[in-house]
Structures are given as C-alpha cells and as structure tokens.
Amino acid sequence: MTQTNLICSWLRVAACAAVSLSFCVSNARHCIAEDLRQTTTVRAIKRAEPAVVNIEGNKPASTARGESQQVNGMGAGVIIDDRGYILTNQHVVQDVGRIEVTLSSRRQYIGRLIDRDPETDLALVKIDTGRKLPVIESGTSSDLMLGEPVIAIGNPYGYHHTVTKGIISALKRDIPVNGVQEYPDLIQTDASINPGNSGGPLLNANGEMIGINAAVRIGAQGIGFAIPVDRALDVAAQMIARYRSRAGLSGVALHVRTRFRDGQAYAQVIGNSSGGLKSGDILRTIGSRTVRNRLDVELALLDGRSGSELEIEADRDGQVVTTSVTSSKPRANRVQLASSGSATSRRAYEAFGVNLEVAPASAVRNAKTAYKGGLRVVSIRKNSAAAAAQMQVGDILVGLLDWQTPDWKSLDWVLDQPEFRKASNAKFRIIRQSDEYEGVLDR
C-alpha cells in the first residue's frame, strides 16, 4: 500500500469515528433530555392513571319553575379491585339511572350501584369487563405533611383524565356541605379541583392514593377537599361486607382493623374470628391475595364461594400461623329465607325486580313524613321495571299504587290486589336520603 493510500485509509477511519462519536454524544443528550422529562410527577401519573375512571350519567333536576328535567352529571372513580369494583363519591352516582363508566383506555361500560354510605358520601360501583383491570395503589393518610406535593386526577366539566398539581394546604378540616351534612376531617389542597373531580384520587408524589376528591369551595380558587384514604378504604370494606352478606357470597367472619406502622398498613385480627385466628394476629395472605388492610380482607373473602376453602397465613408473636376457613352462606341469609318476609320479597323481585328488607324505623322518621315504615331496596335486577324507573340500592319503598308499604304484610296485600296485577304502570313512592320521590313501574 502506498503512503497516499495509507493516509486516505486513516482519514476514513477517523471520519467514521467522528461520526460515531457525534451520534453517541447526540444520543446521550437525547437520553439525558428524556430522563429530565421523566419527573417524579410524570412517573406518579403514569403509575395511577390506568386505574382512574370517568363516570357520567343523566340525573333529574328541578328548574326555577319547579319543573323536572334531566341534567348530565359527571365525576370520577378509582378501581380498587381488578374484577371491576370502583370507589367513588355517592353524589356522583346519586339519582343516576344509567351509570356510564369510561376507562383510561377509552372503553366504556355500564356500571351498577353495589352500595353507598351517605354519611361519608362514598359509593361502590361494579362494572363487568371479562378481564382483569388495573388497580389503584393506595398509600396512607396517617402521616400526611403540610406542604407535601399532591396530584389530582378527575373529570372536571367533562374533560376526561385532567391532571392538576398542588400541595396539602391543611388537614382535619370539617366542611359543611348542604346545611345539614358535614364532611369531617378532610384534606385541604390547592391542586385545582372543579365540578367533575369528585370521586377521583388525590395522589402523593409516589403516585399512591391518599384521598378521594370530594368537594370544592364555591367561589374560591385553590381550595379543594378530599376524604382521607384510610377512612375511604375502611368504608369501602364495610360496603363490600354488606354486599357479601346480601349476595350470599361468603359466610366467613374475619374481624380485623387496619393498623399503621412507619407508614405501612397491616390488618390485625380483633375479637373472635373464623379459622382459629386469635385477637392480635396479623394477617399476611388470604387465598392468593396479599393482605394489607381491612379492604384486602373483604375483597379476598369475595373469592370464597359457598363450600370453598380459603387458606390463611398470619403472624402470631413473630411465628407464622397457617390455617383455613370454609365458606358458607351467611347465617343472616338463612334466617331471612326462613322468615315470613322472604316469600314477599321474592314476589316483589318477580313483579318488578327488587330484593327488599325491612327498613329501620329511624330511617323513615328522619324523612319527617307520615309514613309508618318502609322496605329498603338491597338489590335490583338488571333490565327490570325497577331498574328502568331508576330505583337505587338503599331506597326505602313506602308506597305502591295508593297504599303504604310499611311491612311485609302490607306489601303482600298490595301485590294481591287486582289493581296491581292489571296495572301496566304502577305508581310507587320511595324515601331517598330523607327526601320523598315518586315514580312509575312500567311492567
């Protein structure tokens, strides 16, 4: 090789090296820039957003003239179990006849109201998707700090999955809502929360849910409120337990309380429980589910059908204890089947699609009406006359046609009347949260 060719070869090598080095430097700059964009906030949102849903539906409202019209209600919710159980605010789904749920993937489903808790303004909705859904990661509200950063995700004014950021402005706020009800012990934040954010999560910097957004201060800016997650999950557990009992899904009794140590939640047995567990035992797993709180316990017991066996692993004074429980139908259900009301409830279910139970007398008295009593709706059949009439779980049936229904005997008598049997549209009256409503059952 001549000296000239050798020089050209070296020049080509040097040029290639320079191009390669330039590419590496450029690529490194791109990687660094990309890494700078992946802030803590971005990572937190990516972690939580798939488990946030938008909720919409029409609900009745009164005009200034006293006329009734339908308005579009909206809010958000969080998936707390991969089978489609969603936690939201009660006021988001209250009076909504058709609960429309939109996932982060834009897929839409019709939800059904499982239970609600008027005192805390929380509700449980179920959607059936045929596949497992992403679940929100929950933190704790037991160690929140003033000034720590928070993120809100919701559906303000119908703008799906809107994200806002702020800090915790105050803790333990008691906020009056409607002159009658008060939200106690709320988290105050300056993250923008607007109508439609209700039911969505308030997240910490790690993307863990620390609250359920619930209220805004009308006319103010930068003042929003959230229900602390520890209380919200405990109420969700209570609603799941009531649903288990009504549906006869599991008769296992595990009495636990959620405790916290160094910001970590654990479920500790209290009192007498099934399976030989002792007070003070710390639950680790039930079946295939890791247990961290009371909600995990109730969700695990949903897996147990009648006659199935659930294995339980617990920690007792530093020792691992393994036991098991066999699911059976709840005792309350067996008593109900033997009661005089069960036959009448079945008749009502066949006639217009509701399962009923005797309502507490106080629930009717609080409505300040002349009704002597009523029968509370515990479940509603899909595509039934009651579902079409927008009855909801928790409603108290106090009248049918022109007669009151304070007890089983009265309802049985009404169902026997020729007027009811022949009526294609029977008028009914219910009490819902101390207010009286009328409707028509189109059969």
Protein backbone atom coordinates (compact mmCIF):
# COMPACT_ATOMS: atom_id res chain seq x y z
CA MET A 1 0.00 0.00 0.00
CA THR A 2 1.35 3.39 -0.95
CA GLN A 3 1.78 6.16 1.56
CA THR A 4 -1.07 8.12 -0.08
CA ASN A 5 -3.49 5.17 0.21
CA LEU A 6 -2.49 4.61 3.85
CA ILE A 7 -3.23 8.25 4.70
CA CYS A 8 -6.65 8.01 2.99
CA SER A 9 -7.48 4.86 4.95
CA TRP A 10 -6.63 6.54 8.23
CA LEU A 11 -8.69 9.57 7.27
CA ARG A 12 -11.70 7.34 6.52
CA VAL A 13 -11.33 5.62 9.90
CA ALA A 14 -11.08 8.96 11.66
CA ALA A 15 -14.13 10.28 9.84
CA CYS A 16 -16.18 7.19 10.80
CA ALA A 17 -15.05 7.52 14.40
CA ALA A 18 -16.02 11.18 14.43
CA VAL A 19 -19.49 10.36 13.05
CA SER A 20 -19.90 7.55 15.58
CA LEU A 21 -18.80 9.79 18.45
CA SER A 22 -21.14 12.53 17.27
CA PHE A 23 -24.05 10.03 17.20
CA CYS A 24 -23.20 8.79 20.70
CA VAL A 25 -22.99 12.33 22.05
CA SER A 26 -26.28 13.25 20.33
CA ASN A 27 -27.95 10.09 21.60
CA ALA A 28 -26.64 10.72 25.11
CA ARG A 29 -28.03 14.25 25.01
CA HIS A 30 -31.38 12.82 23.90
CA CYS A 31 -31.32 10.26 26.72
CA ILE A 32 -30.45 12.92 29.27
CA ALA A 33 -33.20 15.20 27.96
CA GLU A 34 -35.69 12.30 28.05
CA ASP A 35 -34.63 11.47 31.60
CA LEU A 36 -35.12 15.08 32.67
CA ARG A 37 -38.68 14.96 31.30
CA GLN A 38 -39.49 11.87 33.35
CA THR A 39 -40.08 13.85 36.53
CA THR A 40 -41.47 12.44 39.76
CA THR A 41 -44.85 13.88 38.83
CA VAL A 42 -44.84 12.22 35.41
CA ARG A 43 -43.95 8.86 36.92
CA ALA A 44 -46.64 9.22 39.59
CA ILE A 45 -49.31 9.97 37.00
CA LYS A 46 -48.25 7.05 34.79
CA ARG A 47 -48.49 4.77 37.82
CA ALA A 48 -52.01 5.81 38.84
CA GLU A 49 -53.84 6.95 35.71
CA PRO A 50 -54.76 3.49 34.32
CA ALA A 51 -56.84 2.83 37.47
CA VAL A 52 -58.83 6.10 37.25
CA VAL A 53 -62.22 6.07 35.51
CA ASN A 54 -64.63 8.75 34.35
CA ILE A 55 -68.28 8.46 35.40
CA GLU A 56 -71.18 10.17 33.65
CA GLY A 57 -74.95 9.82 33.52
CA ASN A 58 -78.20 11.73 33.46
CA LYS A 59 -79.91 12.65 36.71
CA PRO A 60 -83.12 14.57 37.48
CA ALA A 61 -83.01 18.23 38.48
CA SER A 62 -85.62 20.90 39.14
CA THR A 63 -85.87 24.13 37.16
CA ALA A 64 -86.67 27.53 38.65
CA ARG A 65 -90.33 26.89 37.78
CA GLY A 66 -90.34 23.62 39.72
CA GLU A 67 -90.31 21.54 36.53
CA SER A 68 -88.25 18.35 36.33
CA GLN A 69 -85.55 17.93 33.74
CA GLN A 70 -82.57 15.67 33.08
CA VAL A 71 -79.05 17.06 33.51
CA ASN A 72 -75.73 15.44 32.74
CA GLY A 73 -73.85 14.53 35.91
CA MET A 74 -70.17 13.69 35.88
CA GLY A 75 -67.34 12.68 38.14
CA ALA A 76 -64.56 10.16 38.50
CA GLY A 77 -63.74 6.98 40.39
CA VAL A 78 -60.88 4.62 41.18
CA ILE A 79 -60.64 0.89 40.55
CA ILE A 80 -59.98 -0.84 43.89
CA ASP A 81 -60.22 -4.43 42.64
CA ASP A 82 -59.28 -5.98 39.29
CA ARG A 83 -62.76 -7.54 38.98
CA GLY A 84 -64.22 -4.10 38.34
CA TYR A 85 -65.13 -2.69 41.77
CA ILE A 86 -64.92 1.11 41.68
CA LEU A 87 -64.92 3.56 44.61
CA THR A 88 -66.42 6.99 44.01
CA ASN A 89 -68.50 9.68 45.74
CA GLN A 90 -72.15 8.96 46.39
CA HIS A 91 -73.19 12.33 44.97
CA VAL A 92 -71.59 11.35 41.64
CA VAL A 93 -73.96 8.40 41.12
CA GLN A 94 -76.94 9.57 43.20
CA ASP A 95 -80.19 9.55 41.17
CA VAL A 96 -78.29 8.42 38.05
CA GLY A 97 -80.36 5.88 36.13
CA ARG A 98 -77.57 4.74 33.79
CA ILE A 99 -74.03 4.89 35.21
CA GLU A 100 -71.62 5.22 32.27
CA VAL A 101 -68.02 4.33 33.14
CA THR A 102 -65.11 5.14 30.81
CA LEU A 103 -61.71 3.54 31.41
CA SER A 104 -58.40 5.23 30.67
CA SER A 105 -58.28 3.05 27.53
CA ARG A 106 -61.50 4.83 26.38
CA ARG A 107 -63.51 1.62 26.63
CA GLN A 108 -66.97 2.24 28.03
CA TYR A 109 -69.15 0.10 30.30
CA ILE A 110 -72.42 0.41 32.18
CA GLY A 111 -71.91 0.26 35.94
CA ARG A 112 -74.30 -0.84 38.64
CA LEU A 113 -74.51 0.60 42.12
CA ILE A 114 -73.43 -2.02 44.68
CA ASP A 115 -73.74 0.02 47.87
CA ARG A 116 -73.37 3.53 49.24
CA ASP A 117 -72.60 5.26 52.51
CA PRO A 118 -74.46 8.58 52.83
CA GLU A 119 -72.60 9.61 55.97
CA THR A 120 -69.21 9.70 54.23
CA ASP A 121 -70.58 10.37 50.70
CA LEU A 122 -68.91 7.25 49.28
CA ALA A 123 -70.34 4.67 46.90
CA LEU A 124 -69.29 1.39 45.32
CA VAL A 125 -69.92 0.69 41.63
CA LYS A 126 -69.28 -2.54 39.70
CA ILE A 127 -68.54 -2.98 36.01
CA ASP A 128 -68.20 -6.32 34.21
CA THR A 129 -65.41 -6.35 31.63
CA GLY A 130 -64.45 -10.02 31.35
CA ARG A 131 -60.81 -9.19 32.05
CA LYS A 132 -58.62 -8.00 34.89
CA LEU A 133 -58.35 -4.26 35.36
CA PRO A 134 -55.50 -2.11 36.74
CA VAL A 135 -55.92 -1.29 40.44
CA ILE A 136 -55.01 1.96 42.20
CA GLU A 137 -52.06 1.78 44.60
CA SER A 138 -53.08 3.12 48.00
CA GLY A 139 -50.86 4.93 50.45
CA THR A 140 -51.92 6.14 53.88
CA SER A 141 -53.36 9.39 55.17
CA SER A 142 -51.97 8.75 58.67
CA ASP A 143 -48.65 10.53 58.09
CA LEU A 144 -49.51 13.36 55.70
CA MET A 145 -47.46 16.55 55.95
CA LEU A 146 -48.44 20.15 55.33
CA GLY A 147 -46.87 21.35 52.11
CA GLU A 148 -46.15 17.94 50.62
CA PRO A 149 -46.89 17.76 46.87
CA VAL A 150 -50.13 16.15 45.69
CA ILE A 151 -51.75 15.39 42.33
CA ALA A 152 -55.46 15.25 41.48
CA ILE A 153 -56.93 13.32 38.56
CA GLY A 154 -60.55 13.69 37.55
CA ASN A 155 -63.22 14.60 35.02
CA PRO A 156 -63.81 18.36 35.54
CA TYR A 157 -66.53 19.70 33.27
CA GLY A 158 -66.26 16.51 31.19
CA TYR A 159 -62.55 16.88 30.36
CA HIS A 160 -61.54 13.28 30.90
CA HIS A 161 -58.43 12.44 32.93
CA THR A 162 -57.47 16.00 33.72
CA VAL A 163 -54.38 16.22 35.93
CA THR A 164 -53.62 19.07 38.35
CA LYS A 165 -50.87 19.55 40.92
CA GLY A 166 -50.55 21.34 44.23
CA ILE A 167 -49.72 20.83 47.89
CA ILE A 168 -51.53 19.83 51.05
CA SER A 169 -52.80 23.13 52.42
CA ALA A 170 -54.38 21.88 55.65
CA LEU A 171 -55.50 18.72 57.46
CA LYS A 172 -58.53 17.72 59.54
CA ARG A 173 -60.91 20.26 58.01
CA ASP A 174 -64.62 19.90 58.95
CA ILE A 175 -66.64 21.20 56.00
CA PRO A 176 -70.44 21.78 55.97
CA VAL A 177 -71.95 20.63 52.68
CA ASN A 178 -75.65 21.43 52.42
CA GLY A 179 -76.64 22.96 55.71
CA VAL A 180 -77.44 19.52 57.12
CA GLN A 181 -74.46 17.28 56.40
CA GLU A 182 -70.82 17.86 57.27
CA TYR A 183 -67.68 16.26 55.88
CA PRO A 184 -65.36 15.71 58.88
CA ASP A 185 -61.56 15.51 58.93
CA LEU A 186 -60.89 16.36 55.27
CA ILE A 187 -57.61 17.04 53.48
CA GLN A 188 -57.43 20.55 52.02
CA THR A 189 -55.37 21.10 48.87
CA ASP A 190 -54.68 23.89 46.40
CA ALA A 191 -54.50 21.42 43.49
CA SER A 192 -57.25 22.61 41.12
CA ILE A 193 -60.43 20.66 41.91
CA ASN A 194 -63.58 21.52 39.98
CA PRO A 195 -67.05 20.03 39.48
CA GLY A 196 -66.36 16.63 37.93
CA ASN A 197 -63.25 15.93 40.00
CA SER A 198 -65.41 14.30 42.68
CA GLY A 199 -64.62 10.63 43.23
CA GLY A 200 -61.18 10.87 41.63
CA PRO A 201 -57.94 10.24 43.52
CA LEU A 202 -55.68 12.64 45.34
CA LEU A 203 -52.17 11.21 44.93
CA ASN A 204 -48.90 11.69 46.74
CA ALA A 205 -45.58 12.18 44.92
CA ASN A 206 -45.19 8.39 44.61
CA GLY A 207 -48.48 8.00 42.73
CA GLU A 208 -50.23 6.41 45.71
CA MET A 209 -53.81 7.40 46.51
CA ILE A 210 -54.04 9.35 49.77
CA GLY A 211 -57.58 10.67 49.37
CA ILE A 212 -60.82 10.74 47.36
CA ASN A 213 -61.57 14.21 45.99
CA ALA A 214 -64.98 15.21 47.30
CA ALA A 215 -65.73 18.91 47.45
CA VAL A 216 -64.81 22.39 46.29
CA ARG A 217 -65.35 25.77 47.89
CA ILE A 218 -67.77 27.58 45.61
CA GLY A 219 -66.45 30.96 44.54
CA ALA A 220 -62.93 30.30 45.81
CA GLN A 221 -59.77 29.39 43.96
CA GLY A 222 -57.21 26.88 45.13
CA ILE A 223 -59.40 25.40 47.85
CA GLY A 224 -60.45 21.78 47.40
CA PHE A 225 -61.08 18.92 49.77
CA ALA A 226 -60.53 15.16 49.81
CA ILE A 227 -61.67 12.28 52.04
CA PRO A 228 -58.60 10.69 53.69
CA VAL A 229 -57.80 7.34 52.07
CA ASP A 230 -57.63 5.41 55.36
CA ARG A 231 -61.26 6.23 56.11
CA ALA A 232 -62.34 5.77 52.48
CA LEU A 233 -60.89 2.25 52.27
CA ASP A 234 -62.42 1.30 55.61
CA VAL A 235 -65.86 2.40 54.39
CA ALA A 236 -65.25 0.53 51.12
CA ALA A 237 -64.56 -2.60 53.20
CA GLN A 238 -67.87 -2.11 55.05
CA MET A 239 -69.73 -1.80 51.75
CA ILE A 240 -68.09 -4.96 50.38
CA ALA A 241 -69.03 -6.80 53.60
CA ARG A 242 -72.67 -5.74 53.26
CA TYR A 243 -72.65 -6.77 49.61
CA ARG A 244 -71.16 -10.17 50.54
CA SER A 245 -73.91 -10.69 53.08
CA ARG A 246 -76.74 -9.72 50.73
CA ALA A 247 -75.42 -11.76 47.82
CA GLY A 248 -74.63 -14.81 49.95
CA LEU A 249 -71.05 -14.90 48.65
CA SER A 250 -69.27 -15.92 51.85
CA GLY A 251 -70.22 -16.54 55.45
CA VAL A 252 -66.66 -16.29 56.77
CA ALA A 253 -66.32 -13.85 59.67
CA LEU A 254 -62.89 -12.21 59.96
CA HIS A 255 -62.94 -9.26 62.32
CA VAL A 256 -59.94 -7.07 61.59
CA ARG A 257 -58.77 -3.49 61.95
CA THR A 258 -56.33 -1.65 59.72
CA ARG A 259 -53.25 -0.52 61.66
CA PHE A 260 -50.24 1.54 60.59
CA ARG A 261 -46.58 1.28 61.44
CA ASP A 262 -43.95 3.51 59.81
CA GLY A 263 -46.41 4.44 57.08
CA GLN A 264 -47.17 0.79 56.28
CA ALA A 265 -50.65 -0.67 56.69
CA TYR A 266 -51.39 -4.09 58.12
CA ALA A 267 -54.56 -5.97 59.09
CA GLN A 268 -54.78 -7.09 62.71
CA VAL A 269 -57.40 -9.52 63.98
CA ILE A 270 -59.69 -8.19 66.72
CA GLY A 271 -62.13 -10.29 68.72
CA ASN A 272 -63.28 -13.77 67.71
CA SER A 273 -62.78 -14.76 64.07
CA SER A 274 -63.19 -17.82 61.89
CA GLY A 275 -60.41 -20.35 61.37
CA GLY A 276 -58.94 -20.36 64.87
CA LEU A 277 -57.39 -16.92 64.47
CA LYS A 278 -56.69 -15.04 67.68
CA SER A 279 -57.00 -11.39 68.56
CA GLY A 280 -53.68 -9.71 67.76
CA ASP A 281 -52.80 -11.96 64.81
CA ILE A 282 -51.50 -10.03 61.81
CA LEU A 283 -52.86 -11.33 58.52
CA ARG A 284 -50.42 -11.88 55.67
CA THR A 285 -52.41 -13.65 52.97
CA ILE A 286 -55.91 -14.99 52.37
CA GLY A 287 -56.03 -17.40 49.46
CA SER A 288 -53.81 -15.91 46.76
CA ARG A 289 -54.27 -12.31 47.94
CA THR A 290 -51.72 -10.37 49.98
CA VAL A 291 -53.48 -8.64 52.87
CA ARG A 292 -52.52 -5.13 53.95
CA ASN A 293 -55.76 -3.67 55.24
CA ARG A 294 -59.39 -4.39 56.03
CA LEU A 295 -60.43 -3.84 52.41
CA ASP A 296 -58.00 -6.54 51.23
CA VAL A 297 -59.65 -8.94 53.70
CA GLU A 298 -63.16 -8.28 52.37
CA LEU A 299 -62.02 -8.47 48.74
CA ALA A 300 -60.28 -11.78 49.47
CA LEU A 301 -63.46 -13.17 51.01
CA LEU A 302 -65.30 -12.29 47.79
CA ASP A 303 -63.25 -15.09 46.22
CA GLY A 304 -64.81 -17.64 48.55
CA ARG A 305 -67.93 -19.26 47.17
CA SER A 306 -70.11 -21.47 49.35
CA GLY A 307 -68.25 -24.67 50.22
CA SER A 308 -64.83 -23.45 49.03
CA GLU A 309 -61.78 -23.39 51.28
CA LEU A 310 -59.55 -20.36 51.78
CA GLU A 311 -56.06 -20.74 53.20
CA ILE A 312 -54.93 -18.03 55.62
CA GLU A 313 -51.40 -17.15 56.66
CA ALA A 314 -50.88 -14.93 59.69
CA ASP A 315 -48.14 -13.71 62.00
CA ARG A 316 -48.64 -14.52 65.70
CA ASP A 317 -45.98 -13.12 68.04
CA GLY A 318 -43.34 -13.48 65.32
CA GLN A 319 -44.39 -17.00 64.35
CA VAL A 320 -46.09 -17.86 61.05
CA VAL A 321 -49.50 -19.48 61.56
CA THR A 322 -51.30 -21.23 58.70
CA THR A 323 -54.99 -22.07 58.89
CA SER A 324 -58.01 -22.27 56.61
CA VAL A 325 -61.71 -21.45 56.59
CA THR A 326 -64.57 -22.93 54.61
CA SER A 327 -67.02 -20.50 53.07
CA SER A 328 -70.71 -20.94 53.73
CA LYS A 329 -73.75 -18.82 53.04
CA PRO A 330 -74.08 -16.06 55.64
CA ARG A 331 -76.23 -17.02 58.59
CA ALA A 332 -78.34 -13.89 58.13
CA ASN A 333 -79.35 -15.13 54.67
CA ARG A 334 -80.50 -18.49 56.06
CA VAL A 335 -82.63 -16.69 58.67
CA GLN A 336 -84.10 -14.45 56.01
CA LEU A 337 -85.13 -17.43 53.87
CA ALA A 338 -86.99 -18.83 56.83
CA SER A 339 -88.72 -15.56 57.64
CA SER A 340 -92.19 -14.54 56.59
CA GLY A 341 -90.74 -11.68 54.52
CA SER A 342 -88.64 -13.80 52.18
CA ALA A 343 -91.63 -15.03 50.19
CA THR A 344 -92.95 -11.48 49.80
CA SER A 345 -89.51 -10.24 48.77
CA ARG A 346 -89.36 -12.93 46.10
CA ARG A 347 -92.78 -11.82 44.85
CA ALA A 348 -91.55 -8.23 44.58
CA TYR A 349 -88.42 -9.43 42.77
CA GLU A 350 -90.53 -11.32 40.24
CA ALA A 351 -93.06 -8.49 39.90
CA PHE A 352 -90.73 -5.53 39.38
CA GLY A 353 -87.14 -6.60 40.12
CA VAL A 354 -86.14 -5.66 43.68
CA ASN A 355 -84.96 -7.56 46.74
CA LEU A 356 -86.16 -5.89 49.93
CA GLU A 357 -85.59 -5.88 53.66
CA VAL A 358 -87.40 -4.12 56.50
CA ALA A 359 -86.01 -0.60 56.85
CA PRO A 360 -85.04 0.78 60.27
CA ALA A 361 -87.85 2.89 61.70
CA SER A 362 -85.40 5.76 62.25
CA ALA A 363 -84.70 5.96 58.50
CA VAL A 364 -88.37 6.68 57.84
CA ARG A 365 -88.79 9.01 60.84
CA ASN A 366 -85.83 11.12 59.73
CA ALA A 367 -87.65 11.89 56.50
CA LYS A 368 -90.32 13.72 58.53
CA THR A 369 -93.20 12.12 56.63
CA ALA A 370 -96.43 10.48 57.72
CA TYR A 371 -95.31 7.02 56.65
CA LYS A 372 -95.37 4.32 59.31
CA GLY A 373 -92.40 2.42 57.89
CA GLY A 374 -90.93 1.01 54.70
CA LEU A 375 -88.94 -1.69 52.95
CA ARG A 376 -85.37 -0.96 51.88
CA VAL A 377 -84.03 -1.97 48.46
CA VAL A 378 -80.97 -4.23 48.82
CA SER A 379 -80.51 -5.26 45.17
CA ILE A 380 -82.07 -4.59 41.76
CA ARG A 381 -82.37 -6.97 38.83
CA LYS A 382 -80.87 -5.79 35.56
CA ASN A 383 -83.34 -4.66 32.88
CA SER A 384 -86.23 -4.81 35.37
CA ALA A 385 -89.06 -2.32 35.83
CA ALA A 386 -87.35 -1.06 39.00
CA ALA A 387 -84.08 -0.51 37.12
CA ALA A 388 -85.89 1.34 34.33
CA ALA A 389 -87.60 3.52 36.96
CA GLN A 390 -84.16 4.46 38.38
CA MET A 391 -84.65 2.84 41.78
CA GLN A 392 -81.38 2.57 43.70
CA VAL A 393 -79.95 0.33 46.38
CA GLY A 394 -80.80 1.96 49.72
CA ASP A 395 -84.12 3.44 48.57
CA ILE A 396 -86.98 2.79 51.00
CA LEU A 397 -90.24 1.72 49.38
CA VAL A 398 -93.03 3.39 51.37
CA GLY A 399 -95.93 3.21 48.93
CA LEU A 400 -97.24 1.28 45.94
CA LEU A 401 -100.30 2.44 44.00
CA ASP A 402 -102.48 4.17 46.62
CA TRP A 403 -101.34 2.12 49.61
CA GLN A 404 -98.47 2.35 52.06
CA THR A 405 -95.95 -0.49 52.37
CA PRO A 406 -94.61 -0.24 55.94
CA ASP A 407 -94.08 -4.00 56.35
CA TRP A 408 -94.18 -7.40 54.61
CA LYS A 409 -97.87 -7.94 55.34
CA SER A 410 -98.85 -4.64 53.71
CA LEU A 411 -96.73 -5.26 50.60
CA ASP A 412 -98.11 -8.79 50.30
CA TRP A 413 -101.64 -7.36 50.42
CA VAL A 414 -100.87 -4.78 47.70
CA LEU A 415 -99.34 -7.41 45.40
CA ASP A 416 -102.56 -9.43 45.71
CA GLN A 417 -104.79 -6.56 44.62
CA PRO A 418 -106.35 -6.73 41.12
CA GLU A 419 -105.37 -3.09 40.59
CA PHE A 420 -101.70 -4.00 40.88
CA ARG A 421 -101.89 -7.21 38.86
CA LYS A 422 -103.66 -5.42 36.00
CA ALA A 423 -101.61 -2.21 36.09
CA SER A 424 -99.02 -1.89 33.33
CA ASN A 425 -97.61 1.21 35.04
CA ALA A 426 -97.84 1.17 38.83
CA LYS A 427 -97.05 4.33 40.76
CA PHE A 428 -94.60 3.95 43.66
CA ARG A 429 -93.18 6.20 46.38
CA ILE A 430 -89.73 5.96 47.94
CA ILE A 431 -87.62 7.79 50.51
CA ARG A 432 -84.07 8.50 49.39
CA GLN A 433 -81.77 10.24 51.86
CA SER A 434 -84.67 11.81 53.79
CA ASP A 435 -86.34 13.08 50.58
CA GLU A 436 -89.50 11.63 49.11
CA TYR A 437 -89.72 10.70 45.41
CA GLU A 438 -92.42 9.30 43.15
CA GLY A 439 -92.01 7.10 40.10
CA VAL A 440 -93.80 4.67 37.80
CA LEU A 441 -93.08 0.98 37.27
CA ASP A 442 -93.63 0.20 33.59
CA ARG A 443 -94.21 -3.55 33.53
